[in-house]
Amino acid sequence: ANNTVYLQMNSLKPEDTAVYYCASARDTNWSPEPSRISFNTWGQ
């Protein structure tokens, strides 16, 4: 409804430390193999 995607992160570990980026694909296609999805727009 407001075009928002969430990532709920529980039981966080030190190895989860990173910069996290949101990305949008160029179309509605989805694959269980993430490398086959064409993400072309990235947040900061």
All heavy atoms as atom14 arrays in JSON, in Angstrom:
{
  "sequence": "ANNTVYLQMNSLKPEDTAVYYCASARDTNWSPEPSRISFNTWGQ",
  "atom14_mask": [
    [1, 1, 1, 1, 1, 0, 0, 0, 0, 0, 0, 0, 0, 0],
    [1, 1, 1, 1, 1, 1, 1, 1, 0, 0, 0, 0, 0, 0],
    [1, 1, 1, 1, 1, 1, 1, 1, 0, 0, 0, 0, 0, 0],
    [1, 1, 1, 1, 1, 1, 1, 0, 0, 0, 0, 0, 0, 0],
    [1, 1, 1, 1, 1, 1, 1, 0, 0, 0, 0, 0, 0, 0],
    [1, 1, 1, 1, 1, 1, 1, 1, 1, 1, 1, 1, 0, 0],
    [1, 1, 1, 1, 1, 1, 1, 1, 0, 0, 0, 0, 0, 0],
    [1, 1, 1, 1, 1, 1, 1, 1, 1, 0, 0, 0, 0, 0],
    [1, 1, 1, 1, 1, 1, 1, 1, 0, 0, 0, 0, 0, 0],
    [1, 1, 1, 1, 1, 1, 1, 1, 0, 0, 0, 0, 0, 0],
    [1, 1, 1, 1, 1, 1, 0, 0, 0, 0, 0, 0, 0, 0],
    [1, 1, 1, 1, 1, 1, 1, 1, 0, 0, 0, 0, 0, 0],
    [1, 1, 1, 1, 1, 1, 1, 1, 1, 0, 0, 0, 0, 0],
    [1, 1, 1, 1, 1, 1, 1, 0, 0, 0, 0, 0, 0, 0],
    [1, 1, 1, 1, 1, 1, 1, 1, 1, 0, 0, 0, 0, 0],
    [1, 1, 1, 1, 1, 1, 1, 1, 0, 0, 0, 0, 0, 0],
    [1, 1, 1, 1, 1, 1, 1, 0, 0, 0, 0, 0, 0, 0],
    [1, 1, 1, 1, 1, 0, 0, 0, 0, 0, 0, 0, 0, 0],
    [1, 1, 1, 1, 1, 1, 1, 0, 0, 0, 0, 0, 0, 0],
    [1, 1, 1, 1, 1, 1, 1, 1, 1, 1, 1, 1, 0, 0],
    [1, 1, 1, 1, 1, 1, 1, 1, 1, 1, 1, 1, 0, 0],
    [1, 1, 1, 1, 1, 1, 0, 0, 0, 0, 0, 0, 0, 0],
    [1, 1, 1, 1, 1, 0, 0, 0, 0, 0, 0, 0, 0, 0],
    [1, 1, 1, 1, 1, 1, 0, 0, 0, 0, 0, 0, 0, 0],
    [1, 1, 1, 1, 1, 0, 0, 0, 0, 0, 0, 0, 0, 0],
    [1, 1, 1, 1, 1, 1, 1, 1, 1, 1, 1, 0, 0, 0],
    [1, 1, 1, 1, 1, 1, 1, 1, 0, 0, 0, 0, 0, 0],
    [1, 1, 1, 1, 1, 1, 1, 0, 0, 0, 0, 0, 0, 0],
    [1, 1, 1, 1, 1, 1, 1, 1, 0, 0, 0, 0, 0, 0],
    [1, 1, 1, 1, 1, 1, 1, 1, 1, 1, 1, 1, 1, 1],
    [1, 1, 1, 1, 1, 1, 0, 0, 0, 0, 0, 0, 0, 0],
    [1, 1, 1, 1, 1, 1, 1, 0, 0, 0, 0, 0, 0, 0],
    [1, 1, 1, 1, 1, 1, 1, 1, 1, 0, 0, 0, 0, 0],
    [1, 1, 1, 1, 1, 1, 1, 0, 0, 0, 0, 0, 0, 0],
    [1, 1, 1, 1, 1, 1, 0, 0, 0, 0, 0, 0, 0, 0],
    [1, 1, 1, 1, 1, 1, 1, 1, 1, 1, 1, 0, 0, 0],
    [1, 1, 1, 1, 1, 1, 1, 1, 0, 0, 0, 0, 0, 0],
    [1, 1, 1, 1, 1, 1, 0, 0, 0, 0, 0, 0, 0, 0],
    [1, 1, 1, 1, 1, 1, 1, 1, 1, 1, 1, 0, 0, 0],
    [1, 1, 1, 1, 1, 1, 1, 1, 0, 0, 0, 0, 0, 0],
    [1, 1, 1, 1, 1, 1, 1, 0, 0, 0, 0, 0, 0, 0],
    [1, 1, 1, 1, 1, 1, 1, 1, 1, 1, 1, 1, 1, 1],
    [1, 1, 1, 1, 0, 0, 0, 0, 0, 0, 0, 0, 0, 0],
    [1, 1, 1, 1, 1, 1, 1, 1, 1, 0, 0, 0, 0, 0]
  ],
  "atom14_positions": [
    [[0.82, -1.2, 0.0], [0.0, 0.0, 0.0], [0.86, 1.26, 0.0], [0.48, 2.27, -0.59], [-0.95, 0.0, 1.19], [0.0, 0.0, 0.0], [0.0, 0.0, 0.0], [0.0, 0.0, 0.0], [0.0, 0.0, 0.0], [0.0, 0.0, 0.0], [0.0, 0.0, 0.0], [0.0, 0.0, 0.0], [0.0, 0.0, 0.0], [0.0, 0.0, 0.0]],
    [[2.01, 1.21, 0.67], [2.92, 2.35, 0.66], [4.27, 2.0, 0.04], [5.23, 2.76, 0.18], [3.1, 2.93, 2.06], [3.65, 1.94, 3.06], [3.98, 0.8, 2.71], [3.78, 2.37, 4.3], [0.0, 0.0, 0.0], [0.0, 0.0, 0.0], [0.0, 0.0, 0.0], [0.0, 0.0, 0.0], [0.0, 0.0, 0.0], [0.0, 0.0, 0.0]],
    [[4.34, 0.85, -0.63], [5.53, 0.42, -1.36], [6.76, 0.43, -0.46], [7.8, 1.0, -0.81], [5.75, 1.31, -2.59], [6.5, 0.59, -3.7], [6.99, -0.52, -3.52], [6.6, 1.24, -4.85], [0.0, 0.0, 0.0], [0.0, 0.0, 0.0], [0.0, 0.0, 0.0], [0.0, 0.0, 0.0], [0.0, 0.0, 0.0], [0.0, 0.0, 0.0]],
    [[6.65, -0.24, 0.68], [7.73, -0.32, 1.64], [8.11, -1.77, 1.88], [7.24, -2.63, 2.04], [7.34, 0.34, 2.97], [7.01, 1.71, 2.74], [8.49, 0.27, 3.97], [0.0, 0.0, 0.0], [0.0, 0.0, 0.0], [0.0, 0.0, 0.0], [0.0, 0.0, 0.0], [0.0, 0.0, 0.0], [0.0, 0.0, 0.0], [0.0, 0.0, 0.0]],
    [[9.41, -2.04, 1.89], [9.95, -3.37, 2.16], [10.69, -3.32, 3.49], [11.4, -2.35, 3.78], [10.88, -3.83, 1.03], [11.46, -5.2, 1.34], [10.11, -3.88, -0.29], [0.0, 0.0, 0.0], [0.0, 0.0, 0.0], [0.0, 0.0, 0.0], [0.0, 0.0, 0.0], [0.0, 0.0, 0.0], [0.0, 0.0, 0.0], [0.0, 0.0, 0.0]],
    [[10.54, -4.37, 4.29], [11.13, -4.43, 5.61], [12.08, -5.61, 5.73], [11.91, -6.63, 5.06], [10.05, -4.56, 6.7], [9.01, -3.47, 6.66], [7.81, -3.66, 5.99], [9.24, -2.25, 7.29], [6.86, -2.66, 5.95], [8.29, -1.25, 7.26], [7.1, -1.46, 6.59], [6.15, -0.46, 6.55], [0.0, 0.0, 0.0], [0.0, 0.0, 0.0]],
    [[13.05, -5.48, 6.61], [13.91, -6.58, 7.0], [13.96, -6.61, 8.51], [14.6, -5.76, 9.13], [15.31, -6.45, 6.42], [16.24, -7.64, 6.67], [15.77, -8.87, 5.89], [17.68, -7.31, 6.31], [0.0, 0.0, 0.0], [0.0, 0.0, 0.0], [0.0, 0.0, 0.0], [0.0, 0.0, 0.0], [0.0, 0.0, 0.0], [0.0, 0.0, 0.0]],
    [[13.25, -7.56, 9.1], [13.27, -7.75, 10.55], [14.44, -8.65, 10.89], [14.51, -9.78, 10.41], [11.96, -8.37, 11.04], [11.91, -8.65, 12.53], [11.93, -7.39, 13.36], [11.2, -6.45, 13.06], [12.76, -7.35, 14.39], [0.0, 0.0, 0.0], [0.0, 0.0, 0.0], [0.0, 0.0, 0.0], [0.0, 0.0, 0.0], [0.0, 0.0, 0.0]],
    [[15.36, -8.15, 11.71], [16.58, -8.87, 12.05], [16.57, -9.17, 13.54], [16.61, -8.26, 14.36], [17.81, -8.04, 11.67], [17.85, -7.61, 10.22], [19.38, -6.75, 9.77], [19.19, -5.27, 10.76], [0.0, 0.0, 0.0], [0.0, 0.0, 0.0], [0.0, 0.0, 0.0], [0.0, 0.0, 0.0], [0.0, 0.0, 0.0], [0.0, 0.0, 0.0]],
    [[16.51, -10.45, 13.87], [16.52, -10.9, 15.25], [17.77, -11.71, 15.53], [18.44, -12.18, 14.62], [15.28, -11.75, 15.54], [13.98, -11.01, 15.39], [13.91, -9.81, 15.65], [12.93, -11.72, 14.98], [0.0, 0.0, 0.0], [0.0, 0.0, 0.0], [0.0, 0.0, 0.0], [0.0, 0.0, 0.0], [0.0, 0.0, 0.0], [0.0, 0.0, 0.0]],
    [[18.08, -11.88, 16.81], [19.24, -12.66, 17.24], [20.49, -12.23, 16.5], [21.25, -13.06, 15.98], [18.97, -14.16, 17.04], [17.84, -14.58, 17.76], [0.0, 0.0, 0.0], [0.0, 0.0, 0.0], [0.0, 0.0, 0.0], [0.0, 0.0, 0.0], [0.0, 0.0, 0.0], [0.0, 0.0, 0.0], [0.0, 0.0, 0.0], [0.0, 0.0, 0.0]],
    [[20.73, -10.95, 16.46], [21.84, -10.4, 15.7], [23.18, -10.86, 16.25], [23.36, -11.01, 17.47], [21.77, -8.88, 15.67], [20.73, -8.32, 14.69], [20.41, -6.87, 15.03], [21.24, -8.45, 13.26], [0.0, 0.0, 0.0], [0.0, 0.0, 0.0], [0.0, 0.0, 0.0], [0.0, 0.0, 0.0], [0.0, 0.0, 0.0], [0.0, 0.0, 0.0]],
    [[24.13, -11.07, 15.34], [25.47, -11.51, 15.66], [26.48, -10.48, 15.18], [26.2, -9.74, 14.24], [25.77, -12.86, 14.98], [24.77, -13.96, 15.3], [25.08, -15.2, 14.47], [24.09, -16.31, 14.75], [24.37, -17.51, 13.92], [0.0, 0.0, 0.0], [0.0, 0.0, 0.0], [0.0, 0.0, 0.0], [0.0, 0.0, 0.0], [0.0, 0.0, 0.0]],
    [[27.67, -10.44, 15.78], [28.68, -9.5, 15.29], [28.97, -9.64, 13.81], [29.26, -8.64, 13.14], [29.9, -9.82, 16.15], [29.32, -10.33, 17.43], [28.1, -11.11, 17.02], [0.0, 0.0, 0.0], [0.0, 0.0, 0.0], [0.0, 0.0, 0.0], [0.0, 0.0, 0.0], [0.0, 0.0, 0.0], [0.0, 0.0, 0.0], [0.0, 0.0, 0.0]],
    [[28.9, -10.85, 13.28], [29.17, -11.06, 11.87], [28.09, -10.5, 10.95], [28.24, -10.49, 9.73], [29.39, -12.55, 11.55], [28.31, -13.45, 12.1], [28.69, -14.1, 13.42], [29.2, -13.38, 14.31], [28.48, -15.32, 13.56], [0.0, 0.0, 0.0], [0.0, 0.0, 0.0], [0.0, 0.0, 0.0], [0.0, 0.0, 0.0], [0.0, 0.0, 0.0]],
    [[26.97, -10.02, 11.52], [25.96, -9.33, 10.75], [26.32, -7.87, 10.5], [25.62, -7.18, 9.75], [24.6, -9.39, 11.45], [24.05, -10.81, 11.55], [24.15, -11.56, 10.57], [23.5, -11.15, 12.62], [0.0, 0.0, 0.0], [0.0, 0.0, 0.0], [0.0, 0.0, 0.0], [0.0, 0.0, 0.0], [0.0, 0.0, 0.0], [0.0, 0.0, 0.0]],
    [[27.37, -7.38, 11.12], [27.79, -5.99, 10.96], [28.14, -5.71, 9.5], [28.97, -6.4, 8.91], [28.99, -5.68, 11.86], [28.6, -5.81, 13.23], [29.49, -4.26, 11.61], [0.0, 0.0, 0.0], [0.0, 0.0, 0.0], [0.0, 0.0, 0.0], [0.0, 0.0, 0.0], [0.0, 0.0, 0.0], [0.0, 0.0, 0.0], [0.0, 0.0, 0.0]],
    [[27.5, -4.7, 8.93], [27.7, -4.36, 7.52], [26.86, -3.14, 7.19], [26.02, -2.71, 7.98], [27.3, -5.53, 6.61], [0.0, 0.0, 0.0], [0.0, 0.0, 0.0], [0.0, 0.0, 0.0], [0.0, 0.0, 0.0], [0.0, 0.0, 0.0], [0.0, 0.0, 0.0], [0.0, 0.0, 0.0], [0.0, 0.0, 0.0], [0.0, 0.0, 0.0]],
    [[27.1, -2.59, 6.0], [26.17, -1.63, 5.42], [25.12, -2.42, 4.67], [25.45, -3.27, 3.84], [26.88, -0.64, 4.49], [25.86, 0.31, 3.85], [27.92, 0.16, 5.26], [0.0, 0.0, 0.0], [0.0, 0.0, 0.0], [0.0, 0.0, 0.0], [0.0, 0.0, 0.0], [0.0, 0.0, 0.0], [0.0, 0.0, 0.0], [0.0, 0.0, 0.0]],
    [[23.87, -2.16, 4.96], [22.76, -2.87, 4.34], [22.12, -2.0, 3.28], [21.82, -0.83, 3.51], [21.72, -3.27, 5.39], [22.13, -4.46, 6.22], [23.18, -4.35, 7.13], [21.5, -5.69, 6.07], [23.58, -5.45, 7.88], [21.9, -6.79, 6.82], [22.94, -6.67, 7.71], [23.33, -7.76, 8.45], [0.0, 0.0, 0.0], [0.0, 0.0, 0.0]],
    [[21.93, -2.58, 2.1], [21.36, -1.87, 0.96], [20.06, -2.5, 0.52], [19.95, -3.73, 0.44], [22.33, -1.9, -0.23], [23.65, -1.22, 0.01], [24.73, -1.95, 0.5], [23.83, 0.13, -0.26], [25.95, -1.34, 0.72], [25.05, 0.74, -0.05], [26.11, 0.0, 0.44], [27.32, 0.61, 0.66], [0.0, 0.0, 0.0], [0.0, 0.0, 0.0]],
    [[19.1, -1.66, 0.2], [17.88, -2.09, -0.45], [18.04, -1.94, -1.96], [18.69, -0.99, -2.42], [16.71, -1.24, 0.05], [15.12, -1.61, -0.68], [0.0, 0.0, 0.0], [0.0, 0.0, 0.0], [0.0, 0.0, 0.0], [0.0, 0.0, 0.0], [0.0, 0.0, 0.0], [0.0, 0.0, 0.0], [0.0, 0.0, 0.0], [0.0, 0.0, 0.0]],
    [[17.49, -2.86, -2.72], [17.57, -2.79, -4.17], [16.24, -3.18, -4.81], [15.5, -4.0, -4.26], [18.68, -3.69, -4.7], [0.0, 0.0, 0.0], [0.0, 0.0, 0.0], [0.0, 0.0, 0.0], [0.0, 0.0, 0.0], [0.0, 0.0, 0.0], [0.0, 0.0, 0.0], [0.0, 0.0, 0.0], [0.0, 0.0, 0.0], [0.0, 0.0, 0.0]],
    [[15.99, -2.59, -5.96], [14.77, -2.83, -6.72], [15.11, -3.47, -8.06], [16.05, -3.05, -8.72], [14.02, -1.51, -6.93], [12.9, -1.68, -7.77], [0.0, 0.0, 0.0], [0.0, 0.0, 0.0], [0.0, 0.0, 0.0], [0.0, 0.0, 0.0], [0.0, 0.0, 0.0], [0.0, 0.0, 0.0], [0.0, 0.0, 0.0], [0.0, 0.0, 0.0]],
    [[14.34, -4.49, -8.45], [14.53, -5.12, -9.74], [13.9, -4.3, -10.85], [13.06, -3.43, -10.6], [13.94, -6.54, -9.72], [0.0, 0.0, 0.0], [0.0, 0.0, 0.0], [0.0, 0.0, 0.0], [0.0, 0.0, 0.0], [0.0, 0.0, 0.0], [0.0, 0.0, 0.0], [0.0, 0.0, 0.0], [0.0, 0.0, 0.0], [0.0, 0.0, 0.0]],
    [[14.27, -4.61, -12.08], [13.76, -3.85, -13.21], [12.37, -4.3, -13.65], [11.74, -3.61, -14.46], [14.73, -3.92, -14.4], [14.9, -5.31, -14.99], [15.94, -5.28, -16.09], [16.17, -6.6, -16.66], [17.13, -6.88, -17.53], [17.96, -5.92, -17.92], [17.25, -8.11, -18.0], [0.0, 0.0, 0.0], [0.0, 0.0, 0.0], [0.0, 0.0, 0.0]],
    [[11.91, -5.43, -13.13], [10.59, -5.93, -13.49], [10.07, -6.82, -12.38], [10.65, -6.89, -11.29], [10.64, -6.68, -14.83], [11.71, -7.74, -14.88], [11.92, -8.42, -13.86], [12.35, -7.9, -15.94], [0.0, 0.0, 0.0], [0.0, 0.0, 0.0], [0.0, 0.0, 0.0], [0.0, 0.0, 0.0], [0.0, 0.0, 0.0], [0.0, 0.0, 0.0]],
    [[8.97, -7.5, -12.64], [8.33, -8.34, -11.63], [8.89, -9.75, -11.57], [8.44, -10.55, -10.74], [6.81, -8.43, -11.88], [6.57, -8.99, -13.17], [6.17, -7.05, -11.8], [0.0, 0.0, 0.0], [0.0, 0.0, 0.0], [0.0, 0.0, 0.0], [0.0, 0.0, 0.0], [0.0, 0.0, 0.0], [0.0, 0.0, 0.0], [0.0, 0.0, 0.0]],
    [[9.83, -10.1, -12.43], [10.39, -11.44, -12.43], [11.11, -11.74, -11.12], [11.8, -10.89, -10.57], [11.35, -11.62, -13.6], [10.65, -11.62, -14.94], [9.45, -11.89, -15.03], [11.39, -11.32, -15.99], [0.0, 0.0, 0.0], [0.0, 0.0, 0.0], [0.0, 0.0, 0.0], [0.0, 0.0, 0.0], [0.0, 0.0, 0.0], [0.0, 0.0, 0.0]],
    [[10.95, -12.95, -10.62], [11.61, -13.41, -9.41], [12.16, -14.8, -9.65], [11.61, -15.58, -10.42], [10.62, -13.41, -8.24], [11.24, -13.77, -6.93], [11.8, -12.93, -6.03], [11.39, -15.09, -6.39], [12.29, -13.63, -4.95], [12.04, -14.96, -5.14], [11.02, -16.37, -6.83], [12.34, -16.05, -4.34], [11.32, -17.46, -6.03], [11.97, -17.3, -4.8]],
    [[13.24, -15.13, -8.97], [13.86, -16.43, -9.09], [14.36, -16.89, -7.74], [14.81, -16.07, -6.93], [15.04, -16.38, -10.08], [15.77, -17.59, -10.07], [0.0, 0.0, 0.0], [0.0, 0.0, 0.0], [0.0, 0.0, 0.0], [0.0, 0.0, 0.0], [0.0, 0.0, 0.0], [0.0, 0.0, 0.0], [0.0, 0.0, 0.0], [0.0, 0.0, 0.0]],
    [[14.28, -18.2, -7.46], [14.89, -18.7, -6.22], [16.41, -18.61, -6.23], [17.04, -18.8, -5.18], [14.41, -20.16, -6.17], [14.14, -20.52, -7.58], [13.62, -19.27, -8.22], [0.0, 0.0, 0.0], [0.0, 0.0, 0.0], [0.0, 0.0, 0.0], [0.0, 0.0, 0.0], [0.0, 0.0, 0.0], [0.0, 0.0, 0.0], [0.0, 0.0, 0.0]],
    [[17.0, -18.36, -7.38], [18.42, -18.07, -7.49], [18.58, -16.56, -7.57], [18.31, -15.96, -8.62], [19.01, -18.74, -8.73], [20.48, -18.4, -8.97], [21.33, -18.66, -7.75], [21.37, -19.83, -7.29], [21.96, -17.7, -7.26], [0.0, 0.0, 0.0], [0.0, 0.0, 0.0], [0.0, 0.0, 0.0], [0.0, 0.0, 0.0], [0.0, 0.0, 0.0]],
    [[19.03, -15.91, -6.5], [19.0, -14.43, -6.48], [19.88, -13.78, -7.54], [19.58, -12.66, -7.96], [19.49, -14.09, -5.06], [20.21, -15.31, -4.6], [19.5, -16.47, -5.24], [0.0, 0.0, 0.0], [0.0, 0.0, 0.0], [0.0, 0.0, 0.0], [0.0, 0.0, 0.0], [0.0, 0.0, 0.0], [0.0, 0.0, 0.0], [0.0, 0.0, 0.0]],
    [[20.93, -14.47, -8.0], [21.79, -13.88, -9.01], [21.09, -13.73, -10.35], [21.58, -13.0, -11.22], [23.05, -14.73, -9.19], [22.74, -16.02, -9.68], [0.0, 0.0, 0.0], [0.0, 0.0, 0.0], [0.0, 0.0, 0.0], [0.0, 0.0, 0.0], [0.0, 0.0, 0.0], [0.0, 0.0, 0.0], [0.0, 0.0, 0.0], [0.0, 0.0, 0.0]],
    [[19.96, -14.38, -10.54], [19.22, -14.28, -11.79], [18.21, -13.13, -11.78], [17.55, -12.91, -12.81], [18.5, -15.59, -12.09], [19.45, -16.78, -12.25], [18.74, -18.01, -12.77], [18.23, -17.81, -14.12], [17.54, -18.72, -14.79], [17.27, -19.89, -14.23], [17.11, -18.45, -16.02], [0.0, 0.0, 0.0], [0.0, 0.0, 0.0], [0.0, 0.0, 0.0]],
    [[18.08, -12.42, -10.68], [17.21, -11.26, -10.62], [18.01, -10.02, -10.99], [19.1, -9.8, -10.47], [16.59, -11.09, -9.22], [15.83, -12.37, -8.82], [15.66, -9.88, -9.17], [15.3, -12.34, -7.4], [0.0, 0.0, 0.0], [0.0, 0.0, 0.0], [0.0, 0.0, 0.0], [0.0, 0.0, 0.0], [0.0, 0.0, 0.0], [0.0, 0.0, 0.0]],
    [[17.47, -9.21, -11.87], [18.17, -8.02, -12.37], [17.85, -6.82, -11.49], [16.93, -6.05, -11.77], [17.78, -7.75, -13.82], [18.15, -8.82, -14.66], [0.0, 0.0, 0.0], [0.0, 0.0, 0.0], [0.0, 0.0, 0.0], [0.0, 0.0, 0.0], [0.0, 0.0, 0.0], [0.0, 0.0, 0.0], [0.0, 0.0, 0.0], [0.0, 0.0, 0.0]],
    [[18.63, -6.66, -10.44], [18.49, -5.49, -9.57], [19.24, -4.32, -10.2], [20.45, -4.42, -10.46], [19.04, -5.77, -8.17], [18.24, -6.79, -7.42], [18.66, -8.1, -7.33], [17.05, -6.42, -6.8], [17.91, -9.04, -6.64], [16.29, -7.35, -6.11], [16.73, -8.67, -6.03], [0.0, 0.0, 0.0], [0.0, 0.0, 0.0], [0.0, 0.0, 0.0]],
    [[18.55, -3.23, -10.44], [19.16, -2.11, -11.16], [19.04, -0.77, -10.47], [19.56, 0.23, -10.97], [18.58, -2.01, -12.58], [17.11, -1.66, -12.6], [16.4, -1.8, -11.59], [16.63, -1.19, -13.74], [0.0, 0.0, 0.0], [0.0, 0.0, 0.0], [0.0, 0.0, 0.0], [0.0, 0.0, 0.0], [0.0, 0.0, 0.0], [0.0, 0.0, 0.0]],
    [[18.37, -0.71, -9.34], [18.25, 0.52, -8.57], [18.61, 0.23, -7.13], [18.1, -0.73, -6.54], [16.84, 1.13, -8.66], [16.49, 1.35, -10.03], [16.77, 2.45, -7.91], [0.0, 0.0, 0.0], [0.0, 0.0, 0.0], [0.0, 0.0, 0.0], [0.0, 0.0, 0.0], [0.0, 0.0, 0.0], [0.0, 0.0, 0.0], [0.0, 0.0, 0.0]],
    [[19.47, 1.08, -6.54], [20.01, 0.83, -5.21], [19.84, 2.03, -4.32], [19.98, 3.17, -4.76], [21.5, 0.47, -5.29], [21.75, -0.79, -6.05], [21.78, -0.94, -7.4], [21.99, -2.08, -5.49], [22.02, -2.26, -7.72], [22.15, -2.98, -6.57], [22.08, -2.57, -4.19], [22.41, -4.34, -6.38], [22.32, -3.91, -3.99], [22.49, -4.78, -5.08]],
    [[19.56, 1.78, -3.04], [19.53, 2.84, -2.06], [20.92, 3.22, -1.61], [21.93, 2.64, -2.04], [0.0, 0.0, 0.0], [0.0, 0.0, 0.0], [0.0, 0.0, 0.0], [0.0, 0.0, 0.0], [0.0, 0.0, 0.0], [0.0, 0.0, 0.0], [0.0, 0.0, 0.0], [0.0, 0.0, 0.0], [0.0, 0.0, 0.0], [0.0, 0.0, 0.0]],
    [[21.0, 4.2, -0.72], [22.28, 4.71, -0.24], [22.92, 3.82, 0.82], [24.11, 3.91, 1.06], [22.11, 6.12, 0.31], [21.8, 7.17, -0.75], [22.96, 7.4, -1.67], [22.99, 6.88, -2.8], [23.94, 8.16, -1.22], [0.0, 0.0, 0.0], [0.0, 0.0, 0.0], [0.0, 0.0, 0.0], [0.0, 0.0, 0.0], [0.0, 0.0, 0.0]]
  ]
}
